[in-house]
Amino acid sequence: MYVDKQYIINLRHELHQIPEIGFDLPKTLAVVRRELDAIGLPYTESFGTSCIVATLNEGVGNKTIAIRADMDALPVQEETGLPFASTHPGKMHACGHDCHTAMLLGTAKKLKEMENDIQCCVKFVFQSAEEGPGGAKTICDDGLMDQVDLMIGCHIYPDKPAGTISLNSICQSAGSHGFKIYLQGKSCHVAKPHQGVDAIAMAVRIYSDIQIMRARELNPFDPVVIGIGEIHGGKANNVICDSVMLHGTIRTHSNELDAHIYKRIEEIAHSVAKDMGGTARIETTKFYPVLINDNSVARSITEAAHKVVGADMVYECPLTMGAEDFAYYTLYKPAALFCLGAMPADGKYTPLHNGKMTINEDMLDIAPNVFIQFVLDNMNE
């Protein structure tokens, strides 16, 4: 059953050198097309934006299992010094999506070799823009999940013990709701503040009131992060500022709580602005739902992982405030995402989204073997 590990490593090296951002993935898509053609799998690009969906055993059996890999990189300058480092300045596969793409191609190659033994349909979903603005949503909007019974996926982590498989049987990751607040006041000379409406003062009050709302209105046992990461406004120290933009994010483990918090932020912004004689406008910049792993799918992944790496290498991972657009798939059909530990052999690691991030490549065959075992275990159920 074992996949070709060297094939996966070689592909990972090639993809790592050509990181691309968001939906703009021409070189990455060319590699995926080339490999699917060589494997002999038909594919379509009719779902999503800059996405490829390949199919094995169309019409075989009464179940369709989908396996997803994201392909996009980050706007990060690589500092690893690897011989296969990024050749695109300011861009890097600092979140391991090159590994995900290579692992799914390795899975597809092996399952194609086994196709006479596979008694169901399998779809291989190569997805763009996980880092933003959300390629999974474009695939769902185009109706792929109508053709799928369940979906699984994997994310690699350099800070988890090498070779381990972990997942949370309920909530794999938080929702992520980005927002921008635009404040409009009136500029004037700083020596005559009564003639203006100070947008910076509005921003300070709104920031403080949001934190008070978090501390006094929400259940302290509910995991919630409300962060303001950007504030832009003002042009000179002797001018009352007339416009400010605040850019923040909401992270929760409940879509309902997220909606409530967003409504309260909107209310606070409008109330403060009106009280000070200005106006406020709020908009969503990015939204990923909470990723709720389906219990049955998560249990089947755990059983498959036990067969591949042994029960002592599989564990329940704690809740996290990170976010994943795989969550969109879970809104349509049973789905679950698991984690693959790939800590470097010396135990020294750099976290994801860092220009010095590296992974233990010796682990790259584990997730594909779990994918294949999952298909074998579930193709007739």
Protein backbone atom coordinates (compact mmCIF):
# COMPACT_ATOMS: atom_id res chain seq x y z
CA MET A 1 0.00 0.00 0.00
CA TYR A 2 2.89 2.32 0.70
CA VAL A 3 3.25 5.50 -1.36
CA ASP A 4 6.41 6.57 -3.16
CA LYS A 5 8.05 8.82 -0.56
CA GLN A 6 10.85 10.01 -2.82
CA TYR A 7 8.32 11.05 -5.46
CA ILE A 8 6.58 13.20 -2.84
CA ILE A 9 9.84 14.72 -1.57
CA ASN A 10 11.01 15.56 -5.08
CA LEU A 11 7.70 17.23 -5.90
CA ARG A 12 7.80 19.15 -2.65
CA HIS A 13 11.24 20.52 -3.55
CA GLU A 14 10.00 21.65 -6.95
CA LEU A 15 6.89 23.30 -5.53
CA HIS A 16 8.82 24.93 -2.69
CA GLN A 17 10.92 26.84 -5.22
CA ILE A 18 7.89 28.40 -6.95
CA PRO A 19 5.61 29.75 -4.17
CA GLU A 20 2.61 31.71 -5.40
CA ILE A 21 -0.04 33.73 -3.58
CA GLY A 22 -3.83 33.49 -3.34
CA PHE A 23 -5.53 32.74 -6.66
CA ASP A 24 -2.49 33.60 -8.79
CA LEU A 25 -0.93 30.12 -9.11
CA PRO A 26 0.07 29.55 -12.77
CA LYS A 27 3.32 27.65 -12.11
CA THR A 28 1.84 25.54 -9.30
CA LEU A 29 -1.18 24.61 -11.41
CA ALA A 30 1.12 23.66 -14.28
CA VAL A 31 2.96 21.19 -12.03
CA VAL A 32 -0.31 19.66 -10.80
CA ARG A 33 -1.65 19.31 -14.34
CA ARG A 34 1.62 17.73 -15.52
CA GLU A 35 1.60 15.15 -12.74
CA LEU A 36 -2.09 14.27 -13.11
CA ASP A 37 -1.55 13.78 -16.85
CA ALA A 38 1.39 11.48 -16.12
CA ILE A 39 -0.61 9.56 -13.51
CA GLY A 40 -3.50 9.22 -15.95
CA LEU A 41 -6.24 10.86 -13.88
CA PRO A 42 -8.89 13.05 -15.55
CA TYR A 43 -9.42 16.44 -13.96
CA THR A 44 -11.45 19.61 -14.23
CA GLU A 45 -10.89 23.26 -13.39
CA SER A 46 -14.60 24.11 -13.35
CA PHE A 47 -14.83 24.26 -9.55
CA GLY A 48 -13.53 27.30 -7.71
CA THR A 49 -10.93 29.81 -8.85
CA SER A 50 -7.47 28.47 -9.79
CA CYS A 51 -8.40 25.04 -8.42
CA ILE A 52 -8.11 21.54 -9.89
CA VAL A 53 -10.32 18.54 -9.03
CA ALA A 54 -9.14 15.13 -10.27
CA THR A 55 -11.30 12.02 -10.19
CA LEU A 56 -10.56 8.32 -9.75
CA ASN A 57 -13.26 5.72 -10.52
CA GLU A 58 -16.03 8.04 -11.67
CA GLY A 59 -19.33 6.23 -11.15
CA VAL A 60 -17.83 3.33 -9.20
CA GLY A 61 -19.68 2.27 -6.05
CA ASN A 62 -22.18 4.37 -4.12
CA LYS A 63 -19.79 6.68 -2.28
CA THR A 64 -17.49 9.56 -3.22
CA ILE A 65 -14.63 10.43 -0.87
CA ALA A 66 -12.82 13.74 -1.41
CA ILE A 67 -9.28 14.53 -0.23
CA ARG A 68 -8.15 18.15 -0.18
CA ALA A 69 -4.77 19.88 -0.39
CA ASP A 70 -4.19 23.64 -0.44
CA MET A 71 -1.55 25.02 -2.84
CA ASP A 72 -0.92 28.70 -2.05
CA ALA A 73 2.04 30.28 -0.25
CA LEU A 74 2.58 33.33 1.95
CA PRO A 75 4.08 36.81 1.37
CA VAL A 76 7.12 35.90 3.49
CA GLN A 77 10.81 36.20 2.57
CA GLU A 78 12.47 32.79 2.89
CA GLU A 79 15.48 32.59 5.22
CA THR A 80 16.07 28.83 5.42
CA GLY A 81 19.12 28.61 3.18
CA LEU A 82 17.80 25.35 1.72
CA PRO A 83 19.18 24.27 -1.66
CA PHE A 84 15.58 24.26 -2.94
CA ALA A 85 14.61 27.59 -1.35
CA SER A 86 12.10 29.96 -2.92
CA THR A 87 13.12 31.57 -6.19
CA HIS A 88 10.31 34.12 -5.86
CA PRO A 89 11.45 37.06 -3.69
CA GLY A 90 9.08 37.88 -0.86
CA LYS A 91 7.14 34.64 -1.22
CA MET A 92 7.55 31.35 0.64
CA HIS A 93 5.75 28.12 1.41
CA ALA A 94 5.96 28.97 5.10
CA CYS A 95 2.77 27.08 5.96
CA GLY A 96 3.58 23.74 4.35
CA HIS A 97 1.13 23.88 1.46
CA ASP A 98 3.87 22.64 -0.87
CA CYS A 99 3.93 19.51 1.28
CA HIS A 100 0.14 19.18 1.15
CA THR A 101 0.09 19.39 -2.65
CA ALA A 102 2.95 16.91 -3.05
CA MET A 103 1.35 14.50 -0.56
CA LEU A 104 -1.98 14.56 -2.39
CA LEU A 105 -0.28 13.91 -5.73
CA GLY A 106 1.55 10.99 -4.10
CA THR A 107 -1.79 9.71 -2.81
CA ALA A 108 -3.38 10.04 -6.24
CA LYS A 109 -0.47 8.19 -7.89
CA LYS A 110 -0.75 5.23 -5.51
CA LEU A 111 -4.55 5.03 -5.62
CA LYS A 112 -4.42 5.04 -9.42
CA GLU A 113 -2.10 2.01 -9.21
CA MET A 114 -4.67 0.38 -6.89
CA GLU A 115 -7.78 1.48 -8.79
CA ASN A 116 -9.08 -2.04 -9.44
CA ASP A 117 -9.20 -2.59 -5.68
CA ILE A 118 -10.87 0.73 -4.91
CA GLN A 119 -14.62 0.25 -4.83
CA CYS A 120 -15.68 3.88 -4.67
CA CYS A 121 -15.06 7.22 -6.36
CA VAL A 122 -12.25 9.40 -5.02
CA LYS A 123 -11.84 13.10 -5.80
CA PHE A 124 -8.51 14.90 -5.29
CA VAL A 125 -9.12 18.58 -4.57
CA PHE A 126 -6.20 20.94 -5.21
CA GLN A 127 -7.34 24.25 -3.72
CA SER A 128 -6.10 27.82 -4.02
CA ALA A 129 -6.09 30.75 -1.59
CA GLU A 130 -6.38 29.04 1.80
CA GLU A 131 -4.31 31.85 3.30
CA GLY A 132 -6.91 34.26 1.97
CA PRO A 133 -9.41 35.14 0.77
CA GLY A 134 -10.69 31.54 0.89
CA GLY A 135 -10.44 29.23 -2.08
CA ALA A 136 -12.57 26.60 -0.35
CA LYS A 137 -15.59 28.88 -0.51
CA THR A 138 -15.24 29.29 -4.28
CA ILE A 139 -15.21 25.49 -4.68
CA CYS A 140 -18.29 25.10 -2.49
CA ASP A 141 -20.07 27.94 -4.30
CA ASP A 142 -19.54 26.09 -7.58
CA GLY A 143 -21.25 22.96 -6.23
CA LEU A 144 -18.47 20.41 -5.79
CA MET A 145 -19.87 19.24 -2.46
CA ASP A 146 -23.05 18.11 -4.23
CA GLN A 147 -20.88 15.39 -5.80
CA VAL A 148 -19.13 14.40 -2.56
CA ASP A 149 -20.26 12.27 0.40
CA LEU A 150 -17.43 13.17 2.77
CA MET A 151 -14.08 14.97 2.76
CA ILE A 152 -10.78 14.65 4.61
CA GLY A 153 -7.58 16.67 4.66
CA CYS A 154 -4.29 17.15 6.50
CA HIS A 155 -2.14 20.03 7.71
CA ILE A 156 1.55 19.60 8.48
CA TYR A 157 3.06 21.09 11.67
CA PRO A 158 6.79 21.47 12.43
CA ASP A 159 6.10 22.00 16.14
CA LYS A 160 4.38 18.62 16.65
CA PRO A 161 6.39 15.41 17.28
CA ALA A 162 7.55 13.83 14.04
CA GLY A 163 5.29 11.13 12.68
CA THR A 164 2.36 11.80 14.99
CA ILE A 165 -1.22 12.17 13.85
CA SER A 166 -3.49 14.40 15.88
CA LEU A 167 -6.97 15.82 15.55
CA ASN A 168 -9.71 17.24 17.69
CA SER A 169 -12.81 15.10 17.48
CA ILE A 170 -15.06 18.15 17.81
CA CYS A 171 -13.55 21.57 17.01
CA GLN A 172 -10.35 21.46 14.97
CA SER A 173 -9.88 25.24 14.65
CA ALA A 174 -11.52 28.55 15.40
CA GLY A 175 -13.48 30.73 13.07
CA SER A 176 -11.69 33.78 11.70
CA HIS A 177 -13.67 36.95 11.04
CA GLY A 178 -11.69 39.94 9.85
CA PHE A 179 -13.24 43.39 10.00
CA LYS A 180 -12.38 46.99 9.17
CA ILE A 181 -13.89 50.03 10.87
CA TYR A 182 -13.74 53.28 8.89
CA LEU A 183 -14.22 56.43 11.01
CA GLN A 184 -14.94 59.85 9.58
CA GLY A 185 -14.55 63.04 11.58
CA LYS A 186 -13.58 66.60 10.68
CA SER A 187 -10.09 68.03 10.49
CA CYS A 188 -9.03 71.37 11.95
CA HIS A 189 -6.02 73.04 13.55
CA VAL A 190 -4.88 71.26 16.70
CA ALA A 191 -4.99 74.60 18.54
CA LYS A 192 -8.75 74.78 17.95
CA PRO A 193 -9.94 71.21 18.62
CA HIS A 194 -13.52 72.38 19.26
CA GLN A 195 -13.84 73.16 15.55
CA GLY A 196 -13.14 69.58 14.50
CA VAL A 197 -14.16 65.97 15.15
CA ASP A 198 -11.17 63.90 16.19
CA ALA A 199 -11.22 60.49 14.46
CA ILE A 200 -8.20 59.27 16.49
CA ALA A 201 -10.10 59.98 19.71
CA MET A 202 -13.03 58.01 18.28
CA ALA A 203 -10.71 55.10 17.48
CA VAL A 204 -9.27 55.09 21.01
CA ARG A 205 -12.74 54.96 22.55
CA ILE A 206 -13.89 52.21 20.18
CA TYR A 207 -10.79 50.13 20.87
CA SER A 208 -11.30 50.45 24.64
CA ASP A 209 -15.03 49.73 24.47
CA ILE A 210 -14.43 46.58 22.40
CA GLN A 211 -12.03 45.28 25.06
CA ILE A 212 -14.51 46.15 27.84
CA MET A 213 -17.23 44.34 25.90
CA ARG A 214 -14.96 41.29 25.66
CA ALA A 215 -14.18 41.37 29.39
CA ARG A 216 -17.66 42.16 30.76
CA GLU A 217 -20.29 40.95 28.30
CA LEU A 218 -18.97 37.55 27.22
CA ASN A 219 -18.77 34.29 29.17
CA PRO A 220 -15.16 34.01 30.40
CA PHE A 221 -15.26 30.27 29.71
CA ASP A 222 -15.85 30.84 25.98
CA PRO A 223 -12.57 31.00 24.01
CA VAL A 224 -12.61 34.41 22.30
CA VAL A 225 -9.92 36.61 20.76
CA ILE A 226 -10.73 40.11 19.52
CA GLY A 227 -7.59 41.72 18.16
CA ILE A 228 -6.96 45.05 16.47
CA GLY A 229 -3.81 44.61 14.40
CA GLU A 230 -3.83 47.83 12.37
CA ILE A 231 -4.74 51.46 13.02
CA HIS A 232 -4.12 54.04 10.32
CA GLY A 233 -4.90 57.75 10.58
CA GLY A 234 -3.47 61.22 10.76
CA LYS A 235 -1.05 63.23 8.63
CA ALA A 236 0.55 65.81 10.90
CA ASN A 237 1.02 66.51 14.61
CA ASN A 238 -0.74 69.86 14.43
CA VAL A 239 -3.87 68.71 12.60
CA ILE A 240 -6.91 67.08 14.18
CA CYS A 241 -7.27 63.81 12.26
CA ASP A 242 -10.44 63.45 10.20
CA SER A 243 -10.30 59.74 9.25
CA VAL A 244 -9.04 56.51 10.82
CA MET A 245 -9.19 52.86 9.83
CA LEU A 246 -9.00 50.00 12.37
CA HIS A 247 -8.39 46.47 11.11
CA GLY A 248 -9.11 43.59 13.46
CA THR A 249 -10.08 39.94 13.78
CA ILE A 250 -12.54 37.87 15.80
CA ARG A 251 -11.62 34.29 16.75
CA THR A 252 -14.16 32.01 18.44
CA HIS A 253 -15.24 28.36 18.54
CA SER A 254 -18.88 29.23 17.82
CA ASN A 255 -20.32 30.71 14.64
CA GLU A 256 -23.26 32.06 16.66
CA LEU A 257 -20.94 33.80 19.13
CA ASP A 258 -18.93 35.23 16.24
CA ALA A 259 -22.09 36.77 14.77
CA HIS A 260 -23.00 38.28 18.15
CA ILE A 261 -19.53 39.80 18.63
CA TYR A 262 -19.49 41.28 15.13
CA LYS A 263 -22.91 42.87 15.77
CA ARG A 264 -21.69 44.34 19.06
CA ILE A 265 -18.55 45.78 17.44
CA GLU A 266 -20.74 47.40 14.81
CA GLU A 267 -23.01 48.84 17.49
CA ILE A 268 -20.07 50.18 19.51
CA ALA A 269 -18.48 51.82 16.46
CA HIS A 270 -21.69 53.57 15.39
CA SER A 271 -22.55 54.63 18.94
CA VAL A 272 -19.14 56.15 19.70
CA ALA A 273 -18.92 57.88 16.32
CA LYS A 274 -22.39 59.40 16.70
CA ASP A 275 -21.65 60.52 20.26
CA MET A 276 -18.55 62.37 19.06
CA GLY A 277 -20.16 63.90 15.98
CA GLY A 278 -18.65 61.59 13.38
CA THR A 279 -19.66 58.52 11.39
CA ALA A 280 -18.57 54.90 11.26
CA ARG A 281 -18.70 52.15 8.66
CA ILE A 282 -17.73 48.52 9.24
CA GLU A 283 -17.05 45.78 6.73
CA THR A 284 -15.94 42.14 6.76
CA THR A 285 -12.50 41.55 5.23
CA LYS A 286 -12.27 37.76 5.58
CA PHE A 287 -14.54 35.16 7.09
CA TYR A 288 -13.74 31.50 7.81
CA PRO A 289 -16.33 29.52 9.81
CA VAL A 290 -15.44 27.40 12.82
CA LEU A 291 -13.98 24.07 11.70
CA ILE A 292 -16.14 21.41 13.34
CA ASN A 293 -14.77 17.93 12.64
CA ASP A 294 -17.48 15.37 11.99
CA ASN A 295 -17.35 12.82 14.80
CA SER A 296 -17.73 9.77 12.58
CA VAL A 297 -15.15 10.93 10.01
CA ALA A 298 -12.70 11.89 12.77
CA ARG A 299 -13.11 8.45 14.34
CA SER A 300 -12.44 6.77 10.99
CA ILE A 301 -9.30 8.89 10.49
CA THR A 302 -8.12 7.85 13.96
CA GLU A 303 -8.70 4.16 13.15
CA ALA A 304 -6.82 4.50 9.85
CA ALA A 305 -3.95 6.29 11.58
CA HIS A 306 -3.70 3.53 14.18
CA LYS A 307 -3.09 1.06 11.35
CA VAL A 308 -0.45 3.27 9.70
CA VAL A 309 1.59 4.61 12.64
CA GLY A 310 0.28 2.78 15.70
CA ALA A 311 -2.07 3.94 18.44
CA ASP A 312 0.75 5.43 20.52
CA MET A 313 1.45 7.97 17.74
CA VAL A 314 -2.15 9.20 17.50
CA TYR A 315 -3.66 11.65 19.97
CA GLU A 316 -6.42 14.19 20.53
CA CYS A 317 -5.02 17.66 19.95
CA PRO A 318 -6.13 20.62 22.08
CA LEU A 319 -8.33 23.43 20.86
CA THR A 320 -6.62 26.19 18.91
CA MET A 321 -7.47 29.75 17.91
CA GLY A 322 -5.93 29.25 14.47
CA ALA A 323 -8.29 29.16 11.48
CA GLU A 324 -8.63 27.08 8.31
CA ASP A 325 -10.87 27.55 5.28
CA PHE A 326 -11.36 23.76 5.19
CA ALA A 327 -14.19 24.76 7.52
CA TYR A 328 -16.33 25.69 4.50
CA TYR A 329 -16.47 22.04 3.42
CA THR A 330 -17.77 21.00 6.84
CA LEU A 331 -20.83 23.23 6.32
CA TYR A 332 -21.96 20.96 3.46
CA LYS A 333 -20.93 17.37 4.16
CA PRO A 334 -19.26 15.32 6.92
CA ALA A 335 -15.57 16.25 6.90
CA ALA A 336 -12.52 16.31 9.14
CA LEU A 337 -8.99 17.70 9.07
CA PHE A 338 -6.07 16.12 10.91
CA CYS A 339 -2.54 17.24 11.76
CA LEU A 340 0.75 15.60 10.79
CA GLY A 341 3.69 16.22 13.10
CA ALA A 342 6.94 16.96 11.22
CA MET A 343 9.33 18.33 13.83
CA PRO A 344 12.95 18.37 12.57
CA ALA A 345 15.07 15.47 13.76
CA ASP A 346 17.14 17.66 16.08
CA GLY A 347 14.00 18.86 17.86
CA LYS A 348 14.68 22.48 16.92
CA TYR A 349 11.81 24.00 15.01
CA THR A 350 10.56 27.33 13.72
CA PRO A 351 6.78 27.78 13.71
CA LEU A 352 4.56 28.13 10.68
CA HIS A 353 4.38 31.51 8.90
CA ASN A 354 8.04 32.19 9.63
CA GLY A 355 10.76 32.71 7.01
CA LYS A 356 12.98 30.09 8.69
CA MET A 357 10.34 27.35 8.89
CA THR A 358 11.52 23.87 7.87
CA ILE A 359 9.94 20.42 8.24
CA ASN A 360 11.09 16.82 8.60
CA GLU A 361 10.61 15.47 5.09
CA ASP A 362 10.94 11.88 6.25
CA MET A 363 7.34 12.18 7.48
CA LEU A 364 5.81 13.08 4.10
CA ASP A 365 4.57 9.55 3.32
CA ILE A 366 2.54 9.22 6.52
CA ALA A 367 -0.49 11.37 5.69
CA PRO A 368 -0.84 9.83 2.18
CA ASN A 369 -0.81 6.35 3.73
CA VAL A 370 -3.50 7.47 6.19
CA PHE A 371 -5.54 8.85 3.27
CA ILE A 372 -5.28 5.54 1.43
CA GLN A 373 -6.10 3.47 4.52
CA PHE A 374 -9.11 5.71 5.14
CA VAL A 375 -10.37 5.08 1.60
CA LEU A 376 -9.90 1.32 1.98
CA ASP A 377 -11.72 1.34 5.34
CA ASN A 378 -14.64 3.48 4.17
CA MET A 379 -15.19 2.72 0.49
CA ASN A 380 -17.96 0.17 1.14
CA GLU A 381 -19.63 1.69 4.20
